[in-house]
PDB file of all heavy atoms in Angstrom:
ATOM      1  N   ALA A   1       7.693 -25.745   1.558  1.00  0.00           N
ATOM      2  CA  ALA A   1       6.799 -25.308   0.565  1.00  0.00           C
ATOM      3  C   ALA A   1       5.341 -25.626   0.873  1.00  0.00           C
ATOM      4  O   ALA A   1       4.858 -25.361   2.061  1.00  0.00           O
ATOM      5  CB  ALA A   1       7.181 -25.768  -0.813  1.00  0.00           C
ATOM      6  N   GLY A   2       4.644 -26.289  -0.022  1.00  0.00           N
ATOM      7  CA  GLY A   2       3.168 -26.537   0.262  1.00  0.00           C
ATOM      8  C   GLY A   2       2.836 -27.798   0.849  1.00  0.00           C
ATOM      9  O   GLY A   2       1.704 -28.090   1.154  1.00  0.00           O
ATOM     10  N   GLN A   3       3.840 -28.675   1.146  1.00  0.00           N
ATOM     11  CA  GLN A   3       3.587 -30.003   1.777  1.00  0.00           C
ATOM     12  C   GLN A   3       2.851 -29.892   3.064  1.00  0.00           C
ATOM     13  O   GLN A   3       1.839 -30.684   3.311  1.00  0.00           O
ATOM     14  CB  GLN A   3       4.830 -30.742   1.867  1.00  0.00           C
ATOM     15  CG  GLN A   3       4.660 -32.262   2.340  1.00  0.00           C
ATOM     16  CD  GLN A   3       4.916 -32.347   3.851  1.00  0.00           C
ATOM     17  OE1 GLN A   3       5.360 -31.393   4.557  1.00  0.00           O
ATOM     18  NE2 GLN A   3       4.783 -33.505   4.397  1.00  0.00           N
ATOM     19  N   PRO A   4       3.184 -29.072   4.042  1.00  0.00           N
ATOM     20  CA  PRO A   4       2.474 -29.050   5.301  1.00  0.00           C
ATOM     21  C   PRO A   4       0.976 -28.733   5.092  1.00  0.00           C
ATOM     22  O   PRO A   4       0.099 -29.269   5.820  1.00  0.00           O
ATOM     23  CB  PRO A   4       3.220 -27.867   6.062  1.00  0.00           C
ATOM     24  CG  PRO A   4       4.553 -27.886   5.546  1.00  0.00           C
ATOM     25  CD  PRO A   4       4.414 -28.152   4.045  1.00  0.00           C
ATOM     26  N   TRP A   5       0.623 -27.723   4.258  1.00  0.00           N
ATOM     27  CA  TRP A   5      -0.744 -27.482   4.053  1.00  0.00           C
ATOM     28  C   TRP A   5      -1.504 -28.642   3.453  1.00  0.00           C
ATOM     29  O   TRP A   5      -2.661 -29.029   3.715  1.00  0.00           O
ATOM     30  CB  TRP A   5      -0.957 -26.296   3.096  1.00  0.00           C
ATOM     31  CG  TRP A   5      -2.402 -26.065   2.835  1.00  0.00           C
ATOM     32  CD1 TRP A   5      -3.371 -25.463   3.597  1.00  0.00           C
ATOM     33  CD2 TRP A   5      -3.077 -26.358   1.465  1.00  0.00           C
ATOM     34  NE1 TRP A   5      -4.590 -25.431   2.991  1.00  0.00           N
ATOM     35  CE2 TRP A   5      -4.422 -26.039   1.785  1.00  0.00           C
ATOM     36  CE3 TRP A   5      -2.688 -26.985   0.304  1.00  0.00           C
ATOM     37  CZ2 TRP A   5      -5.408 -26.250   0.714  1.00  0.00           C
ATOM     38  CZ3 TRP A   5      -3.656 -27.177  -0.689  1.00  0.00           C
ATOM     39  CH2 TRP A   5      -5.034 -26.804  -0.467  1.00  0.00           C
ATOM     40  N   ARG A   6      -0.847 -29.398   2.445  1.00  0.00           N
ATOM     41  CA  ARG A   6      -1.463 -30.543   1.801  1.00  0.00           C
ATOM     42  C   ARG A   6      -1.691 -31.676   2.858  1.00  0.00           C
ATOM     43  O   ARG A   6      -2.566 -32.536   2.653  1.00  0.00           O
ATOM     44  CB  ARG A   6      -0.551 -31.110   0.643  1.00  0.00           C
ATOM     45  CG  ARG A   6      -0.646 -30.086  -0.541  1.00  0.00           C
ATOM     46  CD  ARG A   6       0.100 -30.813  -1.793  1.00  0.00           C
ATOM     47  NE  ARG A   6       1.425 -31.221  -1.621  1.00  0.00           N
ATOM     48  CZ  ARG A   6       2.498 -30.476  -1.824  1.00  0.00           C
ATOM     49  NH1 ARG A   6       2.253 -29.203  -2.225  1.00  0.00           N
ATOM     50  NH2 ARG A   6       3.623 -30.944  -1.631  1.00  0.00           N
ATOM     51  N   ARG A   7      -0.947 -31.712   3.890  1.00  0.00           N
ATOM     52  CA  ARG A   7      -0.967 -32.847   4.849  1.00  0.00           C
ATOM     53  C   ARG A   7      -1.510 -32.417   6.208  1.00  0.00           C
ATOM     54  O   ARG A   7      -1.242 -33.050   7.224  1.00  0.00           O
ATOM     55  CB  ARG A   7       0.437 -33.356   5.058  1.00  0.00           C
ATOM     56  CG  ARG A   7       0.958 -34.168   3.827  1.00  0.00           C
ATOM     57  CD  ARG A   7       0.290 -35.523   3.654  1.00  0.00           C
ATOM     58  NE  ARG A   7       0.784 -36.211   2.466  1.00  0.00           N
ATOM     59  CZ  ARG A   7       0.326 -37.450   2.157  1.00  0.00           C
ATOM     60  NH1 ARG A   7      -0.446 -38.099   2.928  1.00  0.00           N
ATOM     61  NH2 ARG A   7       0.681 -38.015   0.996  1.00  0.00           N
ATOM     62  N   CYS A   8      -2.277 -31.364   6.256  1.00  0.00           N
ATOM     63  CA  CYS A   8      -2.838 -30.958   7.555  1.00  0.00           C
ATOM     64  C   CYS A   8      -4.371 -30.658   7.465  1.00  0.00           C
ATOM     65  O   CYS A   8      -4.947 -30.385   6.454  1.00  0.00           O
ATOM     66  CB  CYS A   8      -2.160 -29.690   8.117  1.00  0.00           C
ATOM     67  SG  CYS A   8      -2.667 -28.115   7.454  1.00  0.00           S
ATOM     68  N   TYR A   9      -4.965 -30.776   8.707  1.00  0.00           N
ATOM     69  CA  TYR A   9      -6.342 -30.337   8.801  1.00  0.00           C
ATOM     70  C   TYR A   9      -6.354 -28.979   9.381  1.00  0.00           C
ATOM     71  O   TYR A   9      -5.595 -28.572  10.261  1.00  0.00           O
ATOM     72  CB  TYR A   9      -7.022 -31.279   9.880  1.00  0.00           C
ATOM     73  CG  TYR A   9      -8.404 -30.777  10.158  1.00  0.00           C
ATOM     74  CD1 TYR A   9      -9.536 -31.047   9.345  1.00  0.00           C
ATOM     75  CD2 TYR A   9      -8.698 -29.892  11.288  1.00  0.00           C
ATOM     76  CE1 TYR A   9     -10.804 -30.633   9.560  1.00  0.00           C
ATOM     77  CE2 TYR A   9     -10.086 -29.490  11.570  1.00  0.00           C
ATOM     78  CZ  TYR A   9     -11.033 -29.780  10.673  1.00  0.00           C
ATOM     79  OH  TYR A   9     -12.300 -29.343  10.919  1.00  0.00           O
ATOM     80  N   GLY A  10      -7.138 -28.114   8.703  1.00  0.00           N
ATOM     81  CA  GLY A  10      -7.127 -26.703   8.985  1.00  0.00           C
ATOM     82  C   GLY A  10      -6.207 -25.803   8.164  1.00  0.00           C
ATOM     83  O   GLY A  10      -5.945 -26.216   6.942  1.00  0.00           O
ATOM     84  N   ASP A  11      -5.822 -24.713   8.565  1.00  0.00           N
ATOM     85  CA  ASP A  11      -5.088 -23.669   7.835  1.00  0.00           C
ATOM     86  C   ASP A  11      -3.566 -23.978   8.087  1.00  0.00           C
ATOM     87  O   ASP A  11      -3.143 -24.642   8.924  1.00  0.00           O
ATOM     88  CB  ASP A  11      -5.494 -22.319   8.191  1.00  0.00           C
ATOM     89  CG  ASP A  11      -5.037 -21.220   7.259  1.00  0.00           C
ATOM     90  OD1 ASP A  11      -4.557 -21.669   6.175  1.00  0.00           O
ATOM     91  OD2 ASP A  11      -5.331 -20.099   7.434  1.00  0.00           O
ATOM     92  N   ASN A  12      -2.823 -23.288   7.208  1.00  0.00           N
ATOM     93  CA  ASN A  12      -1.404 -23.377   7.324  1.00  0.00           C
ATOM     94  C   ASN A  12      -0.790 -21.988   6.961  1.00  0.00           C
ATOM     95  O   ASN A  12      -1.183 -21.423   5.981  1.00  0.00           O
ATOM     96  CB  ASN A  12      -0.837 -24.483   6.435  1.00  0.00           C
ATOM     97  CG  ASN A  12       0.742 -24.368   6.399  1.00  0.00           C
ATOM     98  OD1 ASN A  12       1.366 -23.892   5.416  1.00  0.00           O
ATOM     99  ND2 ASN A  12       1.385 -24.921   7.386  1.00  0.00           N
ATOM    100  N   ILE A  13       0.285 -21.614   7.688  1.00  0.00           N
ATOM    101  CA  ILE A  13       0.978 -20.434   7.378  1.00  0.00           C
ATOM    102  C   ILE A  13       2.449 -20.784   7.334  1.00  0.00           C
ATOM    103  O   ILE A  13       2.939 -21.582   8.211  1.00  0.00           O
ATOM    104  CB  ILE A  13       0.917 -19.325   8.494  1.00  0.00           C
ATOM    105  CG1 ILE A  13      -0.556 -18.794   8.597  1.00  0.00           C
ATOM    106  CG2 ILE A  13       1.787 -18.156   8.219  1.00  0.00           C
ATOM    107  CD1 ILE A  13      -0.783 -17.798   9.654  1.00  0.00           C
ATOM    108  N   THR A  14       3.104 -20.371   6.189  1.00  0.00           N
ATOM    109  CA  THR A  14       4.530 -20.622   6.007  1.00  0.00           C
ATOM    110  C   THR A  14       5.415 -19.419   6.438  1.00  0.00           C
ATOM    111  O   THR A  14       5.069 -18.272   5.982  1.00  0.00           O
ATOM    112  CB  THR A  14       4.784 -20.930   4.488  1.00  0.00           C
ATOM    113  OG1 THR A  14       4.009 -22.023   4.060  1.00  0.00           O
ATOM    114  CG2 THR A  14       6.318 -21.164   4.174  1.00  0.00           C
ATOM    115  N   TYR A  15       6.397 -19.606   7.212  1.00  0.00           N
ATOM    116  CA  TYR A  15       7.265 -18.459   7.579  1.00  0.00           C
ATOM    117  C   TYR A  15       8.593 -18.594   6.801  1.00  0.00           C
ATOM    118  O   TYR A  15       9.006 -19.672   6.318  1.00  0.00           O
ATOM    119  CB  TYR A  15       7.540 -18.447   9.040  1.00  0.00           C
ATOM    120  CG  TYR A  15       8.405 -19.522   9.574  1.00  0.00           C
ATOM    121  CD1 TYR A  15       9.848 -19.379   9.651  1.00  0.00           C
ATOM    122  CD2 TYR A  15       7.901 -20.763  10.093  1.00  0.00           C
ATOM    123  CE1 TYR A  15      10.598 -20.332  10.185  1.00  0.00           C
ATOM    124  CE2 TYR A  15       8.775 -21.724  10.648  1.00  0.00           C
ATOM    125  CZ  TYR A  15      10.015 -21.531  10.719  1.00  0.00           C
ATOM    126  OH  TYR A  15      10.886 -22.504  11.264  1.00  0.00           O
ATOM    127  N   THR A  16       9.154 -17.420   6.454  1.00  0.00           N
ATOM    128  CA  THR A  16      10.347 -17.405   5.689  1.00  0.00           C
ATOM    129  C   THR A  16      11.639 -17.209   6.521  1.00  0.00           C
ATOM    130  O   THR A  16      11.558 -16.939   7.749  1.00  0.00           O
ATOM    131  CB  THR A  16      10.298 -16.045   4.742  1.00  0.00           C
ATOM    132  OG1 THR A  16      10.272 -14.954   5.606  1.00  0.00           O
ATOM    133  CG2 THR A  16       9.054 -16.180   3.935  1.00  0.00           C
ATOM    134  N   ASP A  17      12.784 -17.504   5.923  1.00  0.00           N
ATOM    135  CA  ASP A  17      14.022 -17.333   6.573  1.00  0.00           C
ATOM    136  C   ASP A  17      14.756 -16.089   6.411  1.00  0.00           C
ATOM    137  O   ASP A  17      15.821 -15.925   6.776  1.00  0.00           O
ATOM    138  CB  ASP A  17      14.992 -18.439   6.097  1.00  0.00           C
ATOM    139  CG  ASP A  17      14.610 -19.826   6.659  1.00  0.00           C
ATOM    140  OD1 ASP A  17      13.826 -19.973   7.492  1.00  0.00           O
ATOM    141  OD2 ASP A  17      15.228 -20.849   5.976  1.00  0.00           O
ATOM    142  N   TRP A  18      14.141 -15.027   5.741  1.00  0.00           N
ATOM    143  CA  TRP A  18      14.759 -13.807   5.437  1.00  0.00           C
ATOM    144  C   TRP A  18      15.127 -12.994   6.770  1.00  0.00           C
ATOM    145  O   TRP A  18      16.018 -12.352   6.764  1.00  0.00           O
ATOM    146  CB  TRP A  18      13.783 -12.964   4.591  1.00  0.00           C
ATOM    147  CG  TRP A  18      13.088 -13.537   3.492  1.00  0.00           C
ATOM    148  CD1 TRP A  18      11.818 -13.349   3.189  1.00  0.00           C
ATOM    149  CD2 TRP A  18      13.644 -14.467   2.515  1.00  0.00           C
ATOM    150  NE1 TRP A  18      11.483 -14.055   2.102  1.00  0.00           N
ATOM    151  CE2 TRP A  18      12.579 -14.804   1.657  1.00  0.00           C
ATOM    152  CE3 TRP A  18      14.931 -15.081   2.301  1.00  0.00           C
ATOM    153  CZ2 TRP A  18      12.695 -15.637   0.601  1.00  0.00           C
ATOM    154  CZ3 TRP A  18      14.960 -15.923   1.246  1.00  0.00           C
ATOM    155  CH2 TRP A  18      14.046 -16.182   0.365  1.00  0.00           C
ATOM    156  N   GLN A  19      14.439 -13.273   7.886  1.00  0.00           N
ATOM    157  CA  GLN A  19      14.625 -12.626   9.050  1.00  0.00           C
ATOM    158  C   GLN A  19      14.508 -13.503  10.198  1.00  0.00           C
ATOM    159  O   GLN A  19      13.478 -14.344  10.292  1.00  0.00           O
ATOM    160  CB  GLN A  19      13.625 -11.391   9.107  1.00  0.00           C
ATOM    161  CG  GLN A  19      13.801 -10.554  10.395  1.00  0.00           C
ATOM    162  CD  GLN A  19      12.712  -9.444  10.321  1.00  0.00           C
ATOM    163  OE1 GLN A  19      12.903  -8.367  11.101  1.00  0.00           O
ATOM    164  NE2 GLN A  19      11.717  -9.580   9.653  1.00  0.00           N
ATOM    165  N   ARG A  20      15.326 -13.520  11.150  1.00  0.00           N
ATOM    166  CA  ARG A  20      15.336 -14.349  12.353  1.00  0.00           C
ATOM    167  C   ARG A  20      13.994 -14.112  13.058  1.00  0.00           C
ATOM    168  O   ARG A  20      13.498 -12.973  13.160  1.00  0.00           O
ATOM    169  CB  ARG A  20      16.452 -14.059  13.240  1.00  0.00           C
ATOM    170  CG  ARG A  20      16.589 -15.079  14.433  1.00  0.00           C
ATOM    171  CD  ARG A  20      17.813 -14.851  15.110  1.00  0.00           C
ATOM    172  NE  ARG A  20      19.128 -14.862  14.419  1.00  0.00           N
ATOM    173  CZ  ARG A  20      19.677 -16.052  14.072  1.00  0.00           C
ATOM    174  NH1 ARG A  20      19.279 -17.128  14.569  1.00  0.00           N
ATOM    175  NH2 ARG A  20      20.841 -16.026  13.325  1.00  0.00           N
ATOM    176  N   ASP A  21      13.399 -15.258  13.552  1.00  0.00           N
ATOM    177  CA  ASP A  21      12.193 -15.234  14.414  1.00  0.00           C
ATOM    178  C   ASP A  21      10.844 -14.913  13.611  1.00  0.00           C
ATOM    179  O   ASP A  21       9.854 -14.492  14.108  1.00  0.00           O
ATOM    180  CB  ASP A  21      12.317 -14.201  15.665  1.00  0.00           C
ATOM    181  CG  ASP A  21      13.343 -14.637  16.573  1.00  0.00           C
ATOM    182  OD1 ASP A  21      13.558 -15.797  16.764  1.00  0.00           O
ATOM    183  OD2 ASP A  21      14.041 -13.693  17.137  1.00  0.00           O
ATOM    184  N   ASN A  22      10.924 -15.058  12.309  1.00  0.00           N
ATOM    185  CA  ASN A  22       9.683 -14.999  11.520  1.00  0.00           C
ATOM    186  C   ASN A  22       8.717 -16.085  11.983  1.00  0.00           C
ATOM    187  O   ASN A  22       7.428 -15.959  11.817  1.00  0.00           O
ATOM    188  CB  ASN A  22       9.923 -15.047  10.074  1.00  0.00           C
ATOM    189  CG  ASN A  22      10.416 -13.800   9.455  1.00  0.00           C
ATOM    190  OD1 ASN A  22      10.283 -12.695  10.084  1.00  0.00           O
ATOM    191  ND2 ASN A  22      11.016 -13.787   8.253  1.00  0.00           N
ATOM    192  N   PHE A  23       9.185 -17.147  12.542  1.00  0.00           N
ATOM    193  CA  PHE A  23       8.241 -18.160  13.043  1.00  0.00           C
ATOM    194  C   PHE A  23       7.360 -17.539  14.141  1.00  0.00           C
ATOM    195  O   PHE A  23       6.168 -17.729  14.029  1.00  0.00           O
ATOM    196  CB  PHE A  23       9.142 -19.303  13.715  1.00  0.00           C
ATOM    197  CG  PHE A  23       8.287 -20.243  14.610  1.00  0.00           C
ATOM    198  CD1 PHE A  23       7.521 -21.220  14.020  1.00  0.00           C
ATOM    199  CD2 PHE A  23       8.347 -19.987  16.018  1.00  0.00           C
ATOM    200  CE1 PHE A  23       6.731 -22.052  14.889  1.00  0.00           C
ATOM    201  CE2 PHE A  23       7.571 -20.970  16.860  1.00  0.00           C
ATOM    202  CZ  PHE A  23       6.832 -21.929  16.275  1.00  0.00           C
ATOM    203  N   TRP A  24       7.932 -16.741  15.003  1.00  0.00           N
ATOM    204  CA  TRP A  24       7.086 -16.144  16.025  1.00  0.00           C
ATOM    205  C   TRP A  24       6.251 -15.023  15.566  1.00  0.00           C
ATOM    206  O   TRP A  24       5.049 -14.876  16.133  1.00  0.00           O
ATOM    207  CB  TRP A  24       7.940 -15.643  17.179  1.00  0.00           C
ATOM    208  CG  TRP A  24       8.472 -16.796  18.062  1.00  0.00           C
ATOM    209  CD1 TRP A  24       9.693 -17.293  18.172  1.00  0.00           C
ATOM    210  CD2 TRP A  24       7.676 -17.646  18.889  1.00  0.00           C
ATOM    211  NE1 TRP A  24       9.722 -18.353  18.962  1.00  0.00           N
ATOM    212  CE2 TRP A  24       8.529 -18.559  19.418  1.00  0.00           C
ATOM    213  CE3 TRP A  24       6.265 -17.595  19.259  1.00  0.00           C
ATOM    214  CZ2 TRP A  24       8.101 -19.601  20.307  1.00  0.00           C
ATOM    215  CZ3 TRP A  24       5.851 -18.604  20.123  1.00  0.00           C
ATOM    216  CH2 TRP A  24       6.605 -19.586  20.626  1.00  0.00           C
ATOM    217  N   ARG A  25       6.520 -14.360  14.431  1.00  0.00           N
ATOM    218  CA  ARG A  25       5.684 -13.319  13.794  1.00  0.00           C
ATOM    219  C   ARG A  25       4.482 -14.132  13.241  1.00  0.00           C
ATOM    220  O   ARG A  25       3.402 -13.558  13.247  1.00  0.00           O
ATOM    221  CB  ARG A  25       6.443 -12.658  12.743  1.00  0.00           C
ATOM    222  CG  ARG A  25       7.622 -11.733  13.398  1.00  0.00           C
ATOM    223  CD  ARG A  25       8.421 -10.966  12.413  1.00  0.00           C
ATOM    224  NE  ARG A  25       9.343 -10.153  13.042  1.00  0.00           N
ATOM    225  CZ  ARG A  25      10.577 -10.491  13.354  1.00  0.00           C
ATOM    226  NH1 ARG A  25      11.074 -11.637  12.913  1.00  0.00           N
ATOM    227  NH2 ARG A  25      11.438  -9.598  13.933  1.00  0.00           N
ATOM    228  N   ALA A  26       4.728 -15.341  12.655  1.00  0.00           N
ATOM    229  CA  ALA A  26       3.663 -16.084  12.000  1.00  0.00           C
ATOM    230  C   ALA A  26       2.726 -16.498  13.155  1.00  0.00           C
ATOM    231  O   ALA A  26       1.458 -16.473  13.021  1.00  0.00           O
ATOM    232  CB  ALA A  26       4.145 -17.186  11.214  1.00  0.00           C
ATOM    233  N   VAL A  27       3.263 -17.003  14.291  1.00  0.00           N
ATOM    234  CA  VAL A  27       2.369 -17.429  15.451  1.00  0.00           C
ATOM    235  C   VAL A  27       1.583 -16.287  15.893  1.00  0.00           C
ATOM    236  O   VAL A  27       0.358 -16.483  16.163  1.00  0.00           O
ATOM    237  CB  VAL A  27       3.281 -17.983  16.512  1.00  0.00           C
ATOM    238  CG1 VAL A  27       2.382 -18.269  17.833  1.00  0.00           C
ATOM    239  CG2 VAL A  27       3.961 -19.288  16.122  1.00  0.00           C
ATOM    240  N   ARG A  28       2.215 -15.093  15.918  1.00  0.00           N
ATOM    241  CA  ARG A  28       1.492 -13.879  16.527  1.00  0.00           C
ATOM    242  C   ARG A  28       0.306 -13.524  15.569  1.00  0.00           C
ATOM    243  O   ARG A  28      -0.681 -13.024  16.060  1.00  0.00           O
ATOM    244  CB  ARG A  28       2.374 -12.771  16.581  1.00  0.00           C
ATOM    245  CG  ARG A  28       1.822 -11.503  17.222  1.00  0.00           C
ATOM    246  CD  ARG A  28       2.923 -10.510  17.409  1.00  0.00           C
ATOM    247  NE  ARG A  28       3.555 -10.018  16.184  1.00  0.00           N
ATOM    248  CZ  ARG A  28       4.706  -9.470  16.066  1.00  0.00           C
ATOM    249  NH1 ARG A  28       5.405  -9.019  17.182  1.00  0.00           N
ATOM    250  NH2 ARG A  28       5.283  -9.182  14.894  1.00  0.00           N
ATOM    251  N   GLU A  29       0.454 -13.857  14.319  1.00  0.00           N
ATOM    252  CA  GLU A  29      -0.691 -13.517  13.330  1.00  0.00           C
ATOM    253  C   GLU A  29      -1.956 -14.248  13.731  1.00  0.00           C
ATOM    254  O   GLU A  29      -3.057 -13.735  13.424  1.00  0.00           O
ATOM    255  CB  GLU A  29      -0.214 -14.063  11.906  1.00  0.00           C
ATOM    256  CG  GLU A  29      -1.272 -13.886  10.793  1.00  0.00           C
ATOM    257  CD  GLU A  29      -1.500 -12.415  10.416  1.00  0.00           C
ATOM    258  OE1 GLU A  29      -0.846 -11.509  11.016  1.00  0.00           O
ATOM    259  OE2 GLU A  29      -2.303 -12.175   9.651  1.00  0.00           O
ATOM    260  N   VAL A  30      -1.863 -15.388  14.404  1.00  0.00           N
ATOM    261  CA  VAL A  30      -2.928 -16.200  14.701  1.00  0.00           C
ATOM    262  C   VAL A  30      -3.355 -15.861  16.261  1.00  0.00           C
ATOM    263  O   VAL A  30      -4.601 -15.739  16.475  1.00  0.00           O
ATOM    264  CB  VAL A  30      -2.673 -17.678  14.672  1.00  0.00           C
ATOM    265  CG1 VAL A  30      -3.871 -18.526  15.068  1.00  0.00           C
ATOM    266  CG2 VAL A  30      -2.141 -18.134  13.297  1.00  0.00           C
ATOM    267  N   THR A  31      -2.503 -15.737  17.127  1.00  0.00           N
ATOM    268  CA  THR A  31      -2.755 -15.533  18.532  1.00  0.00           C
ATOM    269  C   THR A  31      -3.060 -14.095  18.914  1.00  0.00           C
ATOM    270  O   THR A  31      -3.849 -13.843  19.851  1.00  0.00           O
ATOM    271  CB  THR A  31      -1.670 -15.947  19.457  1.00  0.00           C
ATOM    272  OG1 THR A  31      -0.551 -15.181  19.335  1.00  0.00           O
ATOM    273  CG2 THR A  31      -1.355 -17.448  19.160  1.00  0.00           C
ATOM    274  N   GLY A  32      -2.517 -13.102  18.201  1.00  0.00           N
ATOM    275  CA  GLY A  32      -2.425 -11.766  18.578  1.00  0.00           C
ATOM    276  C   GLY A  32      -1.594 -11.560  19.872  1.00  0.00           C
ATOM    277  O   GLY A  32      -0.871 -12.560  20.197  1.00  0.00           O
ATOM    278  N   GLU A  33      -1.578 -10.400  20.389  1.00  0.00           N
ATOM    279  CA  GLU A  33      -0.913 -10.082  21.596  1.00  0.00           C
ATOM    280  C   GLU A  33      -1.789  -9.946  22.915  1.00  0.00           C
ATOM    281  O   GLU A  33      -2.975  -9.666  22.634  1.00  0.00           O
ATOM    282  CB  GLU A  33      -0.092  -8.842  21.560  1.00  0.00           C
ATOM    283  CG  GLU A  33       1.016  -8.929  20.362  1.00  0.00           C
ATOM    284  CD  GLU A  33       1.758  -7.598  20.282  1.00  0.00           C
ATOM    285  OE1 GLU A  33       1.429  -6.604  21.186  1.00  0.00           O
ATOM    286  OE2 GLU A  33       2.616  -7.456  19.507  1.00  0.00           O
ATOM    287  N   GLY A  34      -1.239 -10.300  24.044  1.00  0.00           N
ATOM    288  CA  GLY A  34      -2.007 -10.155  25.227  1.00  0.00           C
ATOM    289  C   GLY A  34      -2.954 -11.180  25.657  1.00  0.00           C
ATOM    290  O   GLY A  34      -3.672 -10.974  26.630  1.00  0.00           O
ATOM    291  N   ALA A  35      -3.039 -12.378  24.962  1.00  0.00           N
ATOM    292  CA  ALA A  35      -3.909 -13.410  25.361  1.00  0.00           C
ATOM    293  C   ALA A  35      -3.311 -14.336  26.380  1.00  0.00           C
ATOM    294  O   ALA A  35      -2.004 -14.321  26.577  1.00  0.00           O
ATOM    295  CB  ALA A  35      -4.249 -14.214  24.087  1.00  0.00           C
ATOM    296  N   VAL A  36      -4.061 -15.187  26.964  1.00  0.00           N
ATOM    297  CA  VAL A  36      -3.534 -16.271  27.820  1.00  0.00           C
ATOM    298  C   VAL A  36      -3.192 -17.406  26.828  1.00  0.00           C
ATOM    299  O   VAL A  36      -4.039 -17.928  26.160  1.00  0.00           O
ATOM    300  CB  VAL A  36      -4.571 -16.624  28.872  1.00  0.00           C
ATOM    301  CG1 VAL A  36      -4.102 -17.893  29.694  1.00  0.00           C
ATOM    302  CG2 VAL A  36      -5.000 -15.495  29.829  1.00  0.00           C
ATOM    303  N   ILE A  37      -1.977 -17.815  26.926  1.00  0.00           N
ATOM    304  CA  ILE A  37      -1.459 -18.875  25.891  1.00  0.00           C
ATOM    305  C   ILE A  37      -1.159 -20.119  26.589  1.00  0.00           C
ATOM    306  O   ILE A  37      -0.391 -20.069  27.626  1.00  0.00           O
ATOM    307  CB  ILE A  37      -0.123 -18.294  25.284  1.00  0.00           C
ATOM    308  CG1 ILE A  37      -0.378 -16.929  24.629  1.00  0.00           C
ATOM    309  CG2 ILE A  37       0.480 -19.231  24.319  1.00  0.00           C
ATOM    310  CD1 ILE A  37      -1.326 -17.005  23.451  1.00  0.00           C
ATOM    311  N   GLY A  38      -1.572 -21.205  26.135  1.00  0.00           N
ATOM    312  CA  GLY A  38      -1.280 -22.524  26.571  1.00  0.00           C
ATOM    313  C   GLY A  38      -0.014 -23.012  25.838  1.00  0.00           C
ATOM    314  O   GLY A  38       0.108 -22.922  24.594  1.00  0.00           O
TER     315      GLY A  38
END
């Protein structure tokens, strides 16, 4: 829920369990596609 946002510096995005790999969809929201990724 909201605990990670309350305990972090910067922004926070929460991903849901309704669909497998929503974690990576949330990551993509920040990085976009086609970038050089570290």
